[in-house]
Amino acid sequence: MESVLLVEDDEDIRETLDEFLTGQGYVVETAVNGLDGLQKLEGHRPGLVLLDLMMPVMNGWEFLEKKKIAPEICKVPVLLISAVPGKPYVPGALATLRKPIDLRRLMDFVELYCA
């Protein structure tokens, strides 16, 4: 079973999603911001990245810009998880799940990309 990289600065959300996905049988690696997430992608290729948009140090938009120019990681799929109003269209992302996250929709993506 493939792993999931969860890039989320909110500790409560990060821990809740980590526990939920781990309970579903997935291996979860976490990162606290976009820079941390990119560094973790250097040695690890998850089936899916769950990416928050609003984070300190490096936000989700900056993460996606850096990721797309790195040939070794540019093809790793990214699902946005965000509280940004509206449904932000962000090039390089599969879709956006609004917070609070619908866990059934989340699992649809995780199962599709981490089967």
N, C-alpha and C. Protein backbone atom coordinates (compact mmCIF):
# COMPACT_ATOMS: atom_id res chain seq x y z
N MET A 1 0.85 -1.18 0.00
CA MET A 1 0.00 0.00 0.00
C MET A 1 0.89 1.24 0.00
N GLU A 2 0.56 2.18 -0.85
CA GLU A 2 1.36 3.40 -0.93
C GLU A 2 1.09 4.32 0.24
N SER A 3 1.98 5.27 0.38
CA SER A 3 1.85 6.21 1.49
C SER A 3 1.27 7.54 1.04
N VAL A 4 0.94 8.34 2.04
CA VAL A 4 0.39 9.67 1.85
C VAL A 4 1.30 10.66 2.56
N LEU A 5 1.61 11.78 1.89
CA LEU A 5 2.33 12.87 2.53
C LEU A 5 1.30 13.94 2.85
N LEU A 6 1.16 14.26 4.12
CA LEU A 6 0.22 15.26 4.59
C LEU A 6 0.98 16.53 4.97
N VAL A 7 0.75 17.61 4.21
CA VAL A 7 1.43 18.89 4.44
C VAL A 7 0.41 19.85 5.01
N GLU A 8 0.47 20.06 6.32
CA GLU A 8 -0.55 20.83 7.04
C GLU A 8 0.08 21.47 8.28
N ASP A 9 -0.10 22.78 8.42
CA ASP A 9 0.51 23.47 9.57
C ASP A 9 -0.33 23.38 10.84
N ASP A 10 -1.63 23.16 10.73
CA ASP A 10 -2.48 23.08 11.91
C ASP A 10 -2.29 21.71 12.57
N GLU A 11 -1.74 21.73 13.78
CA GLU A 11 -1.39 20.49 14.47
C GLU A 11 -2.59 19.58 14.69
N ASP A 12 -3.73 20.15 15.08
CA ASP A 12 -4.93 19.34 15.33
C ASP A 12 -5.40 18.64 14.06
N ILE A 13 -5.45 19.37 12.96
CA ILE A 13 -5.88 18.78 11.69
C ILE A 13 -4.87 17.72 11.24
N ARG A 14 -3.59 18.05 11.35
CA ARG A 14 -2.53 17.12 10.95
C ARG A 14 -2.64 15.81 11.74
N GLU A 15 -2.78 15.91 13.05
CA GLU A 15 -2.85 14.71 13.88
C GLU A 15 -4.14 13.92 13.61
N THR A 16 -5.26 14.62 13.42
CA THR A 16 -6.53 13.94 13.16
C THR A 16 -6.48 13.17 11.84
N LEU A 17 -6.00 13.82 10.78
CA LEU A 17 -5.92 13.15 9.48
C LEU A 17 -4.89 12.02 9.50
N ASP A 18 -3.79 12.23 10.20
CA ASP A 18 -2.77 11.18 10.34
C ASP A 18 -3.39 9.95 11.00
N GLU A 19 -4.08 10.15 12.11
CA GLU A 19 -4.71 9.03 12.82
C GLU A 19 -5.78 8.36 11.96
N PHE A 20 -6.60 9.16 11.29
CA PHE A 20 -7.65 8.61 10.45
C PHE A 20 -7.07 7.74 9.33
N LEU A 21 -6.11 8.29 8.59
CA LEU A 21 -5.54 7.55 7.46
C LEU A 21 -4.74 6.34 7.92
N THR A 22 -4.03 6.47 9.02
CA THR A 22 -3.30 5.33 9.58
C THR A 22 -4.29 4.23 9.98
N GLY A 23 -5.42 4.64 10.56
CA GLY A 23 -6.46 3.68 10.93
C GLY A 23 -7.08 2.97 9.73
N GLN A 24 -7.00 3.62 8.56
CA GLN A 24 -7.50 3.01 7.32
C GLN A 24 -6.45 2.12 6.66
N GLY A 25 -5.26 2.03 7.29
CA GLY A 25 -4.22 1.14 6.79
C GLY A 25 -3.15 1.81 5.93
N TYR A 26 -3.14 3.13 5.87
CA TYR A 26 -2.16 3.84 5.05
C TYR A 26 -0.97 4.28 5.89
N VAL A 27 0.17 4.37 5.25
CA VAL A 27 1.37 4.92 5.88
C VAL A 27 1.33 6.42 5.62
N VAL A 28 1.42 7.21 6.68
CA VAL A 28 1.31 8.66 6.56
C VAL A 28 2.61 9.30 7.04
N GLU A 29 3.13 10.19 6.21
CA GLU A 29 4.25 11.03 6.60
C GLU A 29 3.70 12.44 6.66
N THR A 30 4.13 13.20 7.66
CA THR A 30 3.59 14.55 7.80
C THR A 30 4.68 15.60 7.65
N ALA A 31 4.24 16.80 7.24
CA ALA A 31 5.12 17.96 7.11
C ALA A 31 4.33 19.16 7.63
N VAL A 32 5.04 20.12 8.23
CA VAL A 32 4.38 21.26 8.87
C VAL A 32 4.25 22.48 7.98
N ASN A 33 4.88 22.47 6.81
CA ASN A 33 4.77 23.57 5.85
C ASN A 33 5.27 23.08 4.49
N GLY A 34 5.14 23.93 3.48
CA GLY A 34 5.53 23.53 2.13
C GLY A 34 7.00 23.18 1.98
N LEU A 35 7.87 23.93 2.63
CA LEU A 35 9.31 23.65 2.54
C LEU A 35 9.62 22.28 3.15
N ASP A 36 9.05 22.02 4.31
CA ASP A 36 9.21 20.72 4.96
C ASP A 36 8.69 19.61 4.04
N GLY A 37 7.55 19.86 3.40
CA GLY A 37 6.97 18.87 2.48
C GLY A 37 7.87 18.59 1.29
N LEU A 38 8.43 19.63 0.69
CA LEU A 38 9.34 19.43 -0.44
C LEU A 38 10.57 18.64 -0.02
N GLN A 39 11.10 18.94 1.15
CA GLN A 39 12.26 18.21 1.64
C GLN A 39 11.93 16.73 1.85
N LYS A 40 10.74 16.46 2.33
CA LYS A 40 10.34 15.05 2.54
C LYS A 40 10.12 14.34 1.21
N LEU A 41 9.70 15.06 0.17
CA LEU A 41 9.53 14.45 -1.15
C LEU A 41 10.86 14.07 -1.79
N GLU A 42 11.95 14.70 -1.35
CA GLU A 42 13.26 14.40 -1.94
C GLU A 42 13.65 12.94 -1.78
N GLY A 43 13.30 12.32 -0.66
CA GLY A 43 13.69 10.94 -0.45
C GLY A 43 12.51 9.99 -0.37
N HIS A 44 11.32 10.45 -0.74
CA HIS A 44 10.12 9.66 -0.53
C HIS A 44 9.10 10.01 -1.61
N ARG A 45 8.54 9.02 -2.28
CA ARG A 45 7.53 9.26 -3.32
C ARG A 45 6.20 8.67 -2.88
N PRO A 46 5.35 9.46 -2.24
CA PRO A 46 4.05 8.95 -1.82
C PRO A 46 3.11 8.79 -3.01
N GLY A 47 2.03 8.07 -2.79
CA GLY A 47 1.02 7.96 -3.83
C GLY A 47 0.24 9.24 -4.00
N LEU A 48 0.15 10.03 -2.92
CA LEU A 48 -0.64 11.25 -2.94
C LEU A 48 -0.11 12.23 -1.89
N VAL A 49 -0.14 13.52 -2.24
CA VAL A 49 0.18 14.58 -1.28
C VAL A 49 -1.13 15.28 -0.94
N LEU A 50 -1.42 15.43 0.34
CA LEU A 50 -2.53 16.25 0.82
C LEU A 50 -1.92 17.56 1.26
N LEU A 51 -2.33 18.65 0.63
CA LEU A 51 -1.64 19.93 0.79
C LEU A 51 -2.58 21.04 1.24
N ASP A 52 -2.25 21.65 2.37
CA ASP A 52 -2.94 22.86 2.81
C ASP A 52 -2.40 24.01 1.97
N LEU A 53 -3.20 25.06 1.80
CA LEU A 53 -2.74 26.23 1.04
C LEU A 53 -2.12 27.30 1.93
N MET A 54 -2.77 27.60 3.05
CA MET A 54 -2.32 28.69 3.91
C MET A 54 -1.41 28.14 5.01
N MET A 55 -0.09 28.36 4.84
CA MET A 55 0.89 27.88 5.82
C MET A 55 2.03 28.88 5.91
N PRO A 56 2.71 28.90 7.04
CA PRO A 56 3.90 29.75 7.15
C PRO A 56 5.09 29.12 6.42
N VAL A 57 6.15 29.85 6.30
CA VAL A 57 7.43 29.44 5.68
C VAL A 57 7.28 29.29 4.17
N MET A 58 6.47 28.33 3.73
CA MET A 58 6.16 28.16 2.31
C MET A 58 4.72 27.68 2.20
N ASN A 59 3.87 28.46 1.53
CA ASN A 59 2.46 28.09 1.42
C ASN A 59 2.26 27.06 0.30
N GLY A 60 1.01 26.63 0.15
CA GLY A 60 0.70 25.60 -0.83
C GLY A 60 0.94 26.01 -2.27
N TRP A 61 0.65 27.28 -2.60
CA TRP A 61 0.91 27.76 -3.97
C TRP A 61 2.40 27.71 -4.28
N GLU A 62 3.22 28.14 -3.34
CA GLU A 62 4.68 28.11 -3.54
C GLU A 62 5.17 26.67 -3.64
N PHE A 63 4.62 25.78 -2.83
CA PHE A 63 4.97 24.36 -2.88
C PHE A 63 4.73 23.82 -4.28
N LEU A 64 3.54 24.10 -4.84
CA LEU A 64 3.21 23.58 -6.17
C LEU A 64 4.12 24.16 -7.25
N GLU A 65 4.48 25.43 -7.13
CA GLU A 65 5.40 26.04 -8.10
C GLU A 65 6.76 25.36 -8.07
N LYS A 66 7.28 25.13 -6.89
CA LYS A 66 8.60 24.47 -6.75
C LYS A 66 8.52 23.02 -7.20
N LYS A 67 7.42 22.34 -6.85
CA LYS A 67 7.27 20.92 -7.18
C LYS A 67 7.24 20.72 -8.69
N LYS A 68 6.57 21.61 -9.42
CA LYS A 68 6.41 21.38 -10.86
C LYS A 68 7.71 21.53 -11.64
N ILE A 69 8.71 22.20 -11.07
CA ILE A 69 9.99 22.35 -11.79
C ILE A 69 11.03 21.31 -11.38
N ALA A 70 10.65 20.43 -10.46
CA ALA A 70 11.57 19.37 -10.02
C ALA A 70 11.17 18.07 -10.71
N PRO A 71 11.93 17.63 -11.73
CA PRO A 71 11.51 16.48 -12.53
C PRO A 71 11.28 15.21 -11.73
N GLU A 72 12.00 15.03 -10.64
CA GLU A 72 11.86 13.78 -9.88
C GLU A 72 10.58 13.73 -9.04
N ILE A 73 9.93 14.86 -8.83
CA ILE A 73 8.71 14.85 -8.01
C ILE A 73 7.50 15.49 -8.70
N CYS A 74 7.66 16.02 -9.89
CA CYS A 74 6.59 16.79 -10.53
C CYS A 74 5.33 15.97 -10.80
N LYS A 75 5.45 14.66 -10.93
CA LYS A 75 4.30 13.83 -11.27
C LYS A 75 3.55 13.29 -10.05
N VAL A 76 4.02 13.56 -8.84
CA VAL A 76 3.32 13.10 -7.64
C VAL A 76 2.01 13.89 -7.53
N PRO A 77 0.84 13.22 -7.50
CA PRO A 77 -0.44 13.93 -7.45
C PRO A 77 -0.65 14.65 -6.12
N VAL A 78 -1.33 15.81 -6.21
CA VAL A 78 -1.58 16.65 -5.04
C VAL A 78 -3.07 16.95 -4.93
N LEU A 79 -3.63 16.71 -3.75
CA LEU A 79 -5.00 17.07 -3.43
C LEU A 79 -4.95 18.20 -2.40
N LEU A 80 -5.60 19.32 -2.71
CA LEU A 80 -5.61 20.44 -1.77
C LEU A 80 -6.65 20.23 -0.70
N ILE A 81 -6.29 20.62 0.53
CA ILE A 81 -7.23 20.66 1.65
C ILE A 81 -7.14 22.07 2.20
N SER A 82 -8.23 22.82 2.09
CA SER A 82 -8.11 24.23 2.39
C SER A 82 -9.39 24.85 2.93
N ALA A 83 -9.20 25.90 3.72
CA ALA A 83 -10.31 26.70 4.22
C ALA A 83 -10.39 28.02 3.46
N VAL A 84 -9.57 28.18 2.41
CA VAL A 84 -9.62 29.40 1.60
C VAL A 84 -11.02 29.52 1.01
N PRO A 85 -11.65 30.68 1.13
CA PRO A 85 -13.03 30.85 0.63
C PRO A 85 -13.15 30.51 -0.85
N GLY A 86 -14.30 29.98 -1.21
CA GLY A 86 -14.52 29.59 -2.60
C GLY A 86 -13.82 28.28 -2.89
N LYS A 87 -13.75 27.93 -4.15
CA LYS A 87 -13.01 26.75 -4.57
C LYS A 87 -11.85 27.22 -5.41
N PRO A 88 -10.72 27.48 -4.75
CA PRO A 88 -9.60 28.02 -5.51
C PRO A 88 -9.13 27.04 -6.58
N TYR A 89 -9.00 27.55 -7.79
CA TYR A 89 -8.38 26.76 -8.85
C TYR A 89 -6.88 26.94 -8.71
N VAL A 90 -6.20 25.86 -8.55
CA VAL A 90 -4.76 25.94 -8.38
C VAL A 90 -4.13 24.97 -9.38
N PRO A 91 -3.44 25.51 -10.39
CA PRO A 91 -2.78 24.64 -11.36
C PRO A 91 -1.82 23.68 -10.67
N GLY A 92 -1.87 22.44 -11.08
CA GLY A 92 -0.98 21.44 -10.51
C GLY A 92 -1.65 20.59 -9.43
N ALA A 93 -2.89 20.90 -9.08
CA ALA A 93 -3.61 20.12 -8.07
C ALA A 93 -4.76 19.37 -8.72
N LEU A 94 -5.07 18.20 -8.18
CA LEU A 94 -6.17 17.38 -8.68
C LEU A 94 -7.51 18.06 -8.43
N ALA A 95 -7.69 18.53 -7.20
CA ALA A 95 -8.96 19.12 -6.76
C ALA A 95 -8.72 19.78 -5.41
N THR A 96 -9.77 20.42 -4.89
CA THR A 96 -9.70 21.04 -3.57
C THR A 96 -10.81 20.49 -2.71
N LEU A 97 -10.45 19.98 -1.53
CA LEU A 97 -11.43 19.60 -0.53
C LEU A 97 -11.48 20.72 0.51
N ARG A 98 -12.68 21.18 0.80
CA ARG A 98 -12.85 22.25 1.78
C ARG A 98 -12.78 21.72 3.20
N LYS A 99 -12.22 22.54 4.08
CA LYS A 99 -12.25 22.22 5.52
C LYS A 99 -13.55 22.75 6.09
N PRO A 100 -14.21 22.04 6.98
CA PRO A 100 -13.85 20.71 7.46
C PRO A 100 -13.97 19.67 6.35
N ILE A 101 -13.08 18.73 6.38
CA ILE A 101 -12.92 17.78 5.28
C ILE A 101 -13.97 16.67 5.34
N ASP A 102 -14.58 16.41 4.19
CA ASP A 102 -15.50 15.29 4.02
C ASP A 102 -14.62 14.04 3.89
N LEU A 103 -14.60 13.21 4.92
CA LEU A 103 -13.69 12.07 4.94
C LEU A 103 -14.01 11.04 3.87
N ARG A 104 -15.27 10.93 3.47
CA ARG A 104 -15.61 10.00 2.38
C ARG A 104 -14.98 10.46 1.06
N ARG A 105 -15.07 11.76 0.78
CA ARG A 105 -14.44 12.28 -0.45
C ARG A 105 -12.93 12.14 -0.38
N LEU A 106 -12.36 12.41 0.79
CA LEU A 106 -10.92 12.24 0.97
C LEU A 106 -10.51 10.81 0.66
N MET A 107 -11.25 9.85 1.19
CA MET A 107 -10.91 8.45 0.96
C MET A 107 -11.07 8.06 -0.50
N ASP A 108 -12.01 8.66 -1.23
CA ASP A 108 -12.12 8.40 -2.66
C ASP A 108 -10.80 8.69 -3.37
N PHE A 109 -10.20 9.83 -3.06
CA PHE A 109 -8.93 10.20 -3.67
C PHE A 109 -7.79 9.31 -3.18
N VAL A 110 -7.73 9.09 -1.89
CA VAL A 110 -6.64 8.27 -1.33
C VAL A 110 -6.68 6.87 -1.91
N GLU A 111 -7.86 6.28 -1.97
CA GLU A 111 -7.97 4.93 -2.51
C GLU A 111 -7.61 4.88 -4.00
N LEU A 112 -7.97 5.92 -4.74
CA LEU A 112 -7.66 5.96 -6.16
C LEU A 112 -6.16 6.06 -6.41
N TYR A 113 -5.46 6.90 -5.66
CA TYR A 113 -4.05 7.15 -5.92
C TYR A 113 -3.10 6.33 -5.08
N CYS A 114 -3.59 5.67 -4.07
CA CYS A 114 -2.71 4.89 -3.18
C CYS A 114 -3.11 3.43 -3.12
N ALA A 115 -3.72 2.94 -4.17
CA ALA A 115 -4.18 1.54 -4.19
C ALA A 115 -3.02 0.58 -4.38
